Every structure is written in C-alpha cells, then in structure tokens.
Amino acid sequence: MKKIFGAVLAGAMMTASAVYAEITIGLSVDQLFESRVAVNNGIKAEASDRGYEVIEVVADGDAQQQNAQIQSLIAQGVDAILVCAVDQNTIERALLAAKKANIPVVAYDRDLPDSRVVQAFVGPDSLIDGRLAGEYTAQVLADYEGEITIVELIGALNDQNGIDRSKGFREGIAALENVNLIEVPTDWDSARALSGTQNAFQANPDVAAVFAATDTHIPAVETVLADLGKLVPKGEEGHVVITGVNGSNDGYQAVLSGTADAFVVMGTEATGRKAVDLAAKIMAGESVDRLNYVGGNLYTAADAEANKAKIWGAPK
C-alpha cells in the first residue's frame, strides 16, 4: 500500500497523520455483460469517491488470459485486487502470486470458496434469490392439478451463483407435490437457452412454469412460447408461469408486459461499492467478514414500475 506520512506542527504539539495517496485497485473481470458492468460501475464510483485509481482488465471468458492479466496487475504494483473469476478452479495460481506480493484479494459477484488467498467475498445471496423465485412459483401453482412440469434454465455449473440459484429455486418449490423438473443447462448462453427451451417444450407440451437463472434468457422463452402459440399473458388461461433472477431490462419489460410473473433484482451498485470498502479496510489492517451478501428483491407487475429506480437494468 502506498502511503504518504506527514506531520503537522501546531504550537508545541505535533500530530502524526497518515494520508492515503495514489491507491490503485486492480479490477480483474471475467467478461462484460449488463449486470457485470453495473457492478463494475459501482466499484468505479466508490473508488472515485475515495480518490482511488482503477486499472480494469477483462478476460473475455478466458481463464488463462485472466491469470496472465492478474500477473500484469501484480507487476504494475496495484495495492489490492478485486476479482470476478472466469473459473473458480483455475484462478488460484494467479491469486497465490498476489498473496506472495502481499496484495490483498477480494472476490466479487462470484465466490471462490476453496481459495487460500481470497480474504473476503461480496456478491448476491444467490441461494436466497433463487429461493424467492421458487417460493413465488410454488404459491402461484399451489392449486395446480396433476403433474407440474417445470423447466429450469440452469446457469453455469462452474459458477457459484449458478449453483446457488438452482439450489435455492428447488428449495422454494419443495412445497409443491408431483413436480417433473426438466433441467436445461445453458452456461449463461442465450442460444443454448433457446434451443434447450425448444427441446423441453417439444418433449413436454404441458409445461406449467419456467425458471430462468438469468432473466436475460426470458426473451428466448418468449420466442419459444410465441412459436407454439402459448405466449399467454399472466392472469389468462394457459399462461406459463415465468420467473428469473438478475434485474435486466429484459426481465423488467417481460414483467411489465405480463409475459413474466416476477423477477428477483440484484443490488449491483451496492455490491460494487462494498467490494471497494472491503479492500480499503483490509489495506488499513482492519478485520472483515469473509462472506458478505447483498440480498435481492422480488418484483411483480404490481410493484416493478414503482421501484424502477432500484432496478439496475430498467431504462432511466
């Protein structure tokens, strides 16, 4: 950490003060998409408020490139590293180099639970977020008669957020009986979400609900339903219950139009600002909690527009 120490002499009294200057945060990003940019904007805003510089590197989904970029940040002498890992299984080698250089590491958005280096994590409470969507689905389908077929568009299984959203959703729908859960792996890819949804509906025409681990996949679901003549608004007979997690404009518009029933919105700016705050405390020698969560909020058509300012993806 770079510090400038100064002494102020007032009369016969000298007061020592430490003034932080030229603090540089290395921001290692897995890839850029709307919600990640929203979190990164929170990081940059908090860093700017504190007078910190940010060096951002983006790996474009390439784990080996991210490792090399972190090595570059270390060589540039950054004071702390904030990292959202491409792959939690391959990032540790680069992080160990940061530890050797005495550079604190904070993981954001995507936890690295097995890391020996990461000192703190901040991100969405994906287990709760998924559970909120599941509980809502269970409430809507509580009186459904017969087998309840639900399509789950699963996120990446090397991503703790994807794992936890799926686990939470399943916990949320546990109150339902006679559920036929159709798993559709997407790896967060919209094309895979589209083809997987098409296949699921082809094999199971009577799907009652769809859960999208990211609401950016809701347009793919809408496309499939429209092609099948099943794009029925909420409240009308034949409507397929749709929920998702994220807070994108896709989710917001689908909820407002009645295509989707509800979506869980992540606190992106708060997550970014908290990441910088954690790094600042660690650099100052303060102890911090290892796990720090920013809970999401579930909105429906009844309250989404009124809470537009809290929905990061809604048009401003």
Protein backbone atom coordinates (compact mmCIF):
# COMPACT_ATOMS: atom_id res chain seq x y z
CA MET A 1 0.00 0.00 0.00
CA LYS A 2 1.30 3.40 -0.91
CA LYS A 3 1.08 5.94 1.90
CA ILE A 4 2.32 9.44 2.46
CA PHE A 5 3.09 10.18 6.08
CA GLY A 6 3.08 13.75 7.21
CA ALA A 7 3.50 15.59 10.47
CA VAL A 8 1.63 18.74 11.36
CA LEU A 9 3.25 21.01 13.94
CA ALA A 10 0.79 23.25 15.79
CA GLY A 11 2.50 25.24 18.53
CA ALA A 12 4.31 22.75 20.74
CA MET A 13 2.11 19.82 19.63
CA MET A 14 2.95 17.54 16.71
CA THR A 15 0.20 15.33 15.33
CA ALA A 16 1.15 12.47 13.06
CA SER A 17 -1.34 11.61 10.33
CA ALA A 18 -1.40 9.02 7.60
CA VAL A 19 -2.82 10.18 4.31
CA TYR A 20 -3.56 7.59 1.68
CA ALA A 21 -2.48 8.64 -1.78
CA GLU A 22 -2.22 7.00 -5.16
CA ILE A 23 -4.09 3.88 -4.13
CA THR A 24 -4.60 1.70 -7.18
CA ILE A 25 -7.20 -1.05 -7.36
CA GLY A 26 -6.72 -3.82 -9.89
CA LEU A 27 -10.09 -4.89 -11.26
CA SER A 28 -9.99 -8.34 -12.86
CA VAL A 29 -13.24 -9.02 -14.73
CA ASP A 30 -14.34 -12.34 -16.19
CA GLN A 31 -16.37 -10.82 -19.04
CA LEU A 32 -18.59 -7.85 -19.71
CA PHE A 33 -22.37 -8.09 -19.80
CA GLU A 34 -25.05 -5.81 -18.39
CA SER A 35 -25.16 -6.89 -14.76
CA ARG A 36 -21.38 -7.20 -14.52
CA VAL A 37 -20.97 -3.70 -15.95
CA ALA A 38 -23.49 -2.44 -13.38
CA VAL A 39 -21.43 -3.91 -10.53
CA ASN A 40 -18.21 -2.58 -12.05
CA ASN A 41 -19.77 0.87 -12.26
CA GLY A 42 -20.43 0.65 -8.53
CA ILE A 43 -16.79 -0.27 -7.96
CA LYS A 44 -15.58 2.67 -10.03
CA ALA A 45 -17.97 5.09 -8.34
CA GLU A 46 -16.81 4.09 -4.86
CA ALA A 47 -13.16 4.17 -5.92
CA SER A 48 -13.64 7.64 -7.37
CA ASP A 49 -15.32 8.85 -4.18
CA ARG A 50 -12.25 7.67 -2.23
CA GLY A 51 -9.73 9.08 -4.71
CA TYR A 52 -8.52 5.64 -5.83
CA GLU A 53 -7.34 4.76 -9.31
CA VAL A 54 -8.76 1.66 -11.02
CA ILE A 55 -6.96 -0.48 -13.59
CA GLU A 56 -9.53 -2.72 -15.24
CA VAL A 57 -8.68 -5.85 -17.22
CA VAL A 58 -11.28 -8.05 -18.92
CA ALA A 59 -10.62 -11.72 -19.67
CA ASP A 60 -13.48 -12.22 -22.15
CA GLY A 61 -14.28 -15.59 -20.60
CA ASP A 62 -10.73 -16.95 -20.95
CA ALA A 63 -9.39 -18.32 -17.65
CA GLN A 64 -5.77 -18.45 -18.79
CA GLN A 65 -5.97 -14.90 -20.06
CA GLN A 66 -7.32 -13.82 -16.69
CA ASN A 67 -4.39 -15.45 -14.94
CA ALA A 68 -1.97 -13.54 -17.17
CA GLN A 69 -3.87 -10.29 -16.59
CA ILE A 70 -3.65 -10.71 -12.82
CA GLN A 71 0.11 -11.26 -13.16
CA SER A 72 0.21 -7.98 -15.08
CA LEU A 73 -1.70 -6.17 -12.33
CA ILE A 74 0.79 -7.50 -9.79
CA ALA A 75 3.70 -6.29 -11.92
CA GLN A 76 2.09 -2.84 -12.10
CA GLY A 77 2.12 -2.65 -8.31
CA VAL A 78 -1.59 -2.42 -7.58
CA ASP A 79 -2.49 -2.12 -3.89
CA ALA A 80 -5.43 -4.55 -3.97
CA ILE A 81 -7.16 -6.79 -6.48
CA LEU A 82 -10.89 -7.21 -6.94
CA VAL A 83 -11.62 -10.32 -8.96
CA CYS A 84 -14.62 -11.94 -10.59
CA ALA A 85 -13.18 -15.25 -11.75
CA VAL A 86 -13.85 -16.90 -15.09
CA ASP A 87 -13.42 -20.29 -13.45
CA GLN A 88 -13.07 -20.83 -9.73
CA ASN A 89 -10.95 -23.93 -10.35
CA THR A 90 -8.16 -22.29 -12.37
CA ILE A 91 -7.71 -18.83 -10.85
CA GLU A 92 -5.82 -19.84 -7.70
CA ARG A 93 -2.35 -19.91 -9.29
CA ALA A 94 -2.53 -16.22 -10.16
CA LEU A 95 -4.01 -15.32 -6.78
CA LEU A 96 -1.17 -17.10 -4.98
CA ALA A 97 1.21 -14.77 -6.79
CA ALA A 98 -0.77 -11.82 -5.44
CA LYS A 99 -0.51 -13.21 -1.93
CA LYS A 100 3.25 -13.60 -2.34
CA ALA A 101 3.36 -9.92 -3.31
CA ASN A 102 1.30 -9.00 -0.20
CA ILE A 103 -1.59 -7.72 -2.33
CA PRO A 104 -5.00 -8.34 -0.72
CA VAL A 105 -7.64 -10.01 -2.87
CA VAL A 106 -11.40 -9.53 -2.67
CA ALA A 107 -13.70 -11.69 -4.79
CA TYR A 108 -16.92 -10.12 -6.00
CA ASP A 109 -20.08 -11.44 -7.65
CA ARG A 110 -18.63 -14.95 -7.86
CA ASP A 111 -17.22 -16.53 -4.70
CA LEU A 112 -14.07 -18.63 -4.60
CA PRO A 113 -14.89 -20.73 -1.52
CA ASP A 114 -11.84 -23.01 -1.79
CA SER A 115 -9.30 -20.22 -2.29
CA ARG A 116 -6.45 -19.90 0.21
CA VAL A 117 -5.90 -16.32 -0.89
CA VAL A 118 -9.25 -14.52 -1.07
CA GLN A 119 -9.76 -12.56 2.15
CA ALA A 120 -13.35 -11.51 1.53
CA PHE A 121 -16.20 -12.05 -0.87
CA VAL A 122 -19.16 -9.81 -1.66
CA GLY A 123 -21.95 -10.69 -4.00
CA PRO A 124 -25.59 -11.57 -4.36
CA ASP A 125 -27.18 -14.03 -2.00
CA SER A 126 -27.93 -16.34 -4.90
CA LEU A 127 -29.38 -19.04 -2.68
CA ILE A 128 -31.98 -16.61 -1.32
CA ASP A 129 -32.55 -15.08 -4.78
CA GLY A 130 -33.33 -18.47 -6.29
CA ARG A 131 -35.49 -19.40 -3.31
CA LEU A 132 -37.56 -16.22 -3.70
CA ALA A 133 -38.32 -17.17 -7.31
CA GLY A 134 -39.10 -20.75 -6.30
CA GLU A 135 -41.41 -19.75 -3.47
CA TYR A 136 -43.28 -17.39 -5.78
CA THR A 137 -43.68 -20.17 -8.35
CA ALA A 138 -44.93 -22.54 -5.66
CA GLN A 139 -47.52 -20.02 -4.48
CA VAL A 140 -48.87 -19.46 -7.98
CA LEU A 141 -49.06 -23.20 -8.71
CA ALA A 142 -50.36 -24.25 -5.28
CA ASP A 143 -53.76 -25.26 -6.70
CA TYR A 144 -52.43 -26.81 -9.93
CA GLU A 145 -53.95 -30.22 -10.60
CA GLY A 146 -51.91 -33.15 -11.87
CA GLU A 147 -48.21 -33.37 -12.61
CA ILE A 148 -46.46 -29.99 -12.52
CA THR A 149 -43.79 -29.79 -15.22
CA ILE A 150 -41.25 -27.04 -14.59
CA VAL A 151 -38.37 -26.13 -16.91
CA GLU A 152 -35.27 -24.83 -15.15
CA LEU A 153 -32.77 -22.93 -17.30
CA ILE A 154 -29.63 -23.57 -15.28
CA GLY A 155 -26.67 -21.19 -15.27
CA ALA A 156 -23.02 -22.24 -15.41
CA LEU A 157 -22.18 -25.07 -13.04
CA ASN A 158 -18.63 -23.77 -12.51
CA ASP A 159 -20.17 -20.57 -11.14
CA GLN A 160 -21.32 -20.50 -7.51
CA ASN A 161 -24.13 -18.12 -8.45
CA GLY A 162 -25.50 -20.63 -10.93
CA ILE A 163 -25.19 -23.45 -8.42
CA ASP A 164 -26.85 -21.49 -5.61
CA ARG A 165 -29.69 -20.07 -7.71
CA SER A 166 -30.59 -23.59 -8.79
CA LYS A 167 -30.39 -24.93 -5.24
CA GLY A 168 -32.46 -22.05 -3.90
CA PHE A 169 -35.12 -22.41 -6.57
CA ARG A 170 -35.51 -26.11 -5.80
CA GLU A 171 -35.82 -25.35 -2.12
CA GLY A 172 -38.50 -22.79 -2.97
CA ILE A 173 -40.65 -25.22 -4.97
CA ALA A 174 -40.23 -28.04 -2.43
CA ALA A 175 -43.74 -27.35 -1.11
CA LEU A 176 -45.19 -28.49 -4.44
CA GLU A 177 -46.04 -32.15 -4.94
CA ASN A 178 -45.79 -34.22 -8.11
CA VAL A 179 -43.18 -31.99 -9.79
CA ASN A 180 -41.46 -33.03 -13.00
CA LEU A 181 -38.37 -30.80 -13.14
CA ILE A 182 -36.74 -30.51 -16.58
CA GLU A 183 -33.13 -29.31 -16.33
CA VAL A 184 -31.77 -27.26 -19.23
CA PRO A 185 -28.06 -26.37 -18.89
CA THR A 186 -27.28 -23.00 -20.53
CA ASP A 187 -23.82 -22.00 -19.28
CA TRP A 188 -25.38 -18.49 -19.28
CA ASP A 189 -25.64 -18.66 -23.09
CA SER A 190 -28.87 -17.34 -24.66
CA ALA A 191 -28.59 -19.55 -27.75
CA ARG A 192 -28.38 -22.64 -25.54
CA ALA A 193 -31.31 -21.33 -23.50
CA LEU A 194 -33.37 -21.01 -26.70
CA SER A 195 -32.58 -24.45 -28.10
CA GLY A 196 -32.92 -26.08 -24.69
CA THR A 197 -36.32 -24.49 -24.10
CA GLN A 198 -37.48 -25.59 -27.55
CA ASN A 199 -36.45 -29.17 -26.82
CA ALA A 200 -38.05 -29.12 -23.38
CA PHE A 201 -41.41 -27.94 -24.71
CA GLN A 202 -41.26 -30.39 -27.60
CA ALA A 203 -40.83 -33.29 -25.19
CA ASN A 204 -43.19 -31.85 -22.56
CA PRO A 205 -46.02 -29.82 -24.16
CA ASP A 206 -47.78 -29.17 -20.84
CA VAL A 207 -45.04 -27.15 -19.14
CA ALA A 208 -46.56 -25.12 -16.30
CA ALA A 209 -43.60 -22.92 -15.39
CA VAL A 210 -40.11 -21.81 -16.42
CA PHE A 211 -37.36 -20.56 -14.14
CA ALA A 212 -34.53 -18.63 -15.81
CA ALA A 213 -31.36 -18.47 -13.73
CA THR A 214 -30.77 -15.17 -15.54
CA ASP A 215 -33.72 -13.11 -16.73
CA THR A 216 -31.76 -12.24 -19.88
CA HIS A 217 -32.95 -15.66 -21.08
CA ILE A 218 -36.62 -14.72 -20.77
CA PRO A 219 -36.72 -13.42 -24.39
CA ALA A 220 -35.68 -16.92 -25.51
CA VAL A 221 -38.58 -18.36 -23.54
CA GLU A 222 -40.94 -15.78 -25.06
CA THR A 223 -39.76 -16.76 -28.55
CA VAL A 224 -40.48 -20.43 -27.93
CA LEU A 225 -43.91 -19.72 -26.42
CA ALA A 226 -44.83 -17.38 -29.29
CA ASP A 227 -43.84 -20.00 -31.88
CA LEU A 228 -46.03 -22.55 -30.10
CA GLY A 229 -48.95 -20.15 -29.71
CA LYS A 230 -48.57 -20.29 -25.93
CA LEU A 231 -47.43 -16.76 -25.18
CA VAL A 232 -50.41 -16.02 -22.93
CA PRO A 233 -50.32 -13.02 -20.53
CA LYS A 234 -50.40 -13.52 -16.80
CA GLY A 235 -53.93 -13.99 -15.49
CA GLU A 236 -55.27 -15.66 -18.62
CA GLU A 237 -55.96 -19.35 -19.12
CA GLY A 238 -52.94 -21.25 -20.47
CA HIS A 239 -50.37 -18.80 -19.07
CA VAL A 240 -46.96 -20.35 -18.36
CA VAL A 241 -45.50 -19.02 -15.09
CA ILE A 242 -42.11 -17.41 -15.72
CA THR A 243 -39.65 -16.18 -13.11
CA GLY A 244 -35.99 -15.20 -13.26
CA VAL A 245 -33.10 -13.67 -11.35
CA ASN A 246 -30.97 -10.69 -12.35
CA GLY A 247 -32.72 -7.36 -12.84
CA SER A 248 -32.05 -6.70 -16.52
CA ASN A 249 -34.26 -4.68 -18.83
CA ASP A 250 -35.33 -7.99 -20.40
CA GLY A 251 -36.78 -9.11 -17.09
CA TYR A 252 -38.25 -5.71 -16.32
CA GLN A 253 -40.08 -5.42 -19.65
CA ALA A 254 -41.33 -9.01 -19.51
CA VAL A 255 -42.81 -8.46 -16.05
CA LEU A 256 -44.42 -5.16 -17.04
CA SER A 257 -45.96 -6.73 -20.16
CA GLY A 258 -47.33 -9.70 -18.23
CA THR A 259 -45.26 -12.28 -20.09
CA ALA A 260 -43.23 -12.99 -16.97
CA ASP A 261 -44.71 -13.16 -13.48
CA ALA A 262 -41.83 -11.99 -11.28
CA PHE A 263 -38.10 -11.39 -11.22
CA VAL A 264 -35.51 -11.04 -8.48
CA VAL A 265 -33.32 -7.94 -8.83
CA MET A 266 -29.72 -7.94 -7.61
CA GLY A 267 -28.21 -4.97 -5.76
CA THR A 268 -25.43 -4.35 -8.26
CA GLU A 269 -24.23 -0.88 -7.20
CA ALA A 270 -24.23 -1.83 -3.52
CA THR A 271 -22.17 -4.93 -4.33
CA GLY A 272 -19.55 -2.90 -6.22
CA ARG A 273 -19.27 -0.26 -3.53
CA LYS A 274 -18.98 -2.91 -0.81
CA ALA A 275 -16.13 -4.61 -2.70
CA VAL A 276 -14.06 -1.42 -2.60
CA ASP A 277 -14.96 -0.83 1.05
CA LEU A 278 -13.76 -4.32 1.97
CA ALA A 279 -10.47 -3.79 0.10
CA ALA A 280 -9.97 -0.44 1.85
CA LYS A 281 -10.50 -2.00 5.27
CA ILE A 282 -8.11 -4.86 4.55
CA MET A 283 -5.45 -2.40 3.31
CA ALA A 284 -5.92 -0.44 6.55
CA GLY A 285 -5.32 -3.58 8.60
CA GLU A 286 -8.92 -3.97 9.73
CA SER A 287 -10.62 -7.34 10.04
CA VAL A 288 -13.56 -8.05 7.73
CA ASP A 289 -16.11 -10.81 7.37
CA ARG A 290 -15.14 -13.47 4.87
CA LEU A 291 -18.64 -13.63 3.39
CA ASN A 292 -20.69 -10.53 2.60
CA TYR A 293 -24.03 -10.77 0.83
CA VAL A 294 -26.27 -8.22 -0.83
CA GLY A 295 -29.80 -9.59 -0.97
CA GLY A 296 -32.07 -9.15 -3.96
CA ASN A 297 -35.71 -8.10 -4.12
CA LEU A 298 -38.56 -9.81 -5.96
CA TYR A 299 -40.83 -7.60 -8.04
CA THR A 300 -44.01 -8.28 -9.98
CA ALA A 301 -46.06 -6.10 -12.33
CA ALA A 302 -47.75 -4.69 -9.23
CA ASP A 303 -44.60 -3.01 -7.91
CA ALA A 304 -41.86 -3.14 -10.57
CA GLU A 305 -42.58 0.24 -12.14
CA ALA A 306 -42.88 1.95 -8.74
CA ASN A 307 -39.44 0.58 -7.85
CA LYS A 308 -37.85 1.35 -11.21
CA ALA A 309 -35.02 3.34 -9.60
CA LYS A 310 -33.93 0.23 -7.68
CA ILE A 311 -33.86 -2.00 -10.78
CA TRP A 312 -30.42 -1.65 -12.33
CA GLY A 313 -31.49 -2.74 -15.83
CA ALA A 314 -34.63 -0.62 -16.12
CA PRO A 315 -34.40 2.31 -18.55
CA LYS A 316 -33.54 5.50 -16.69
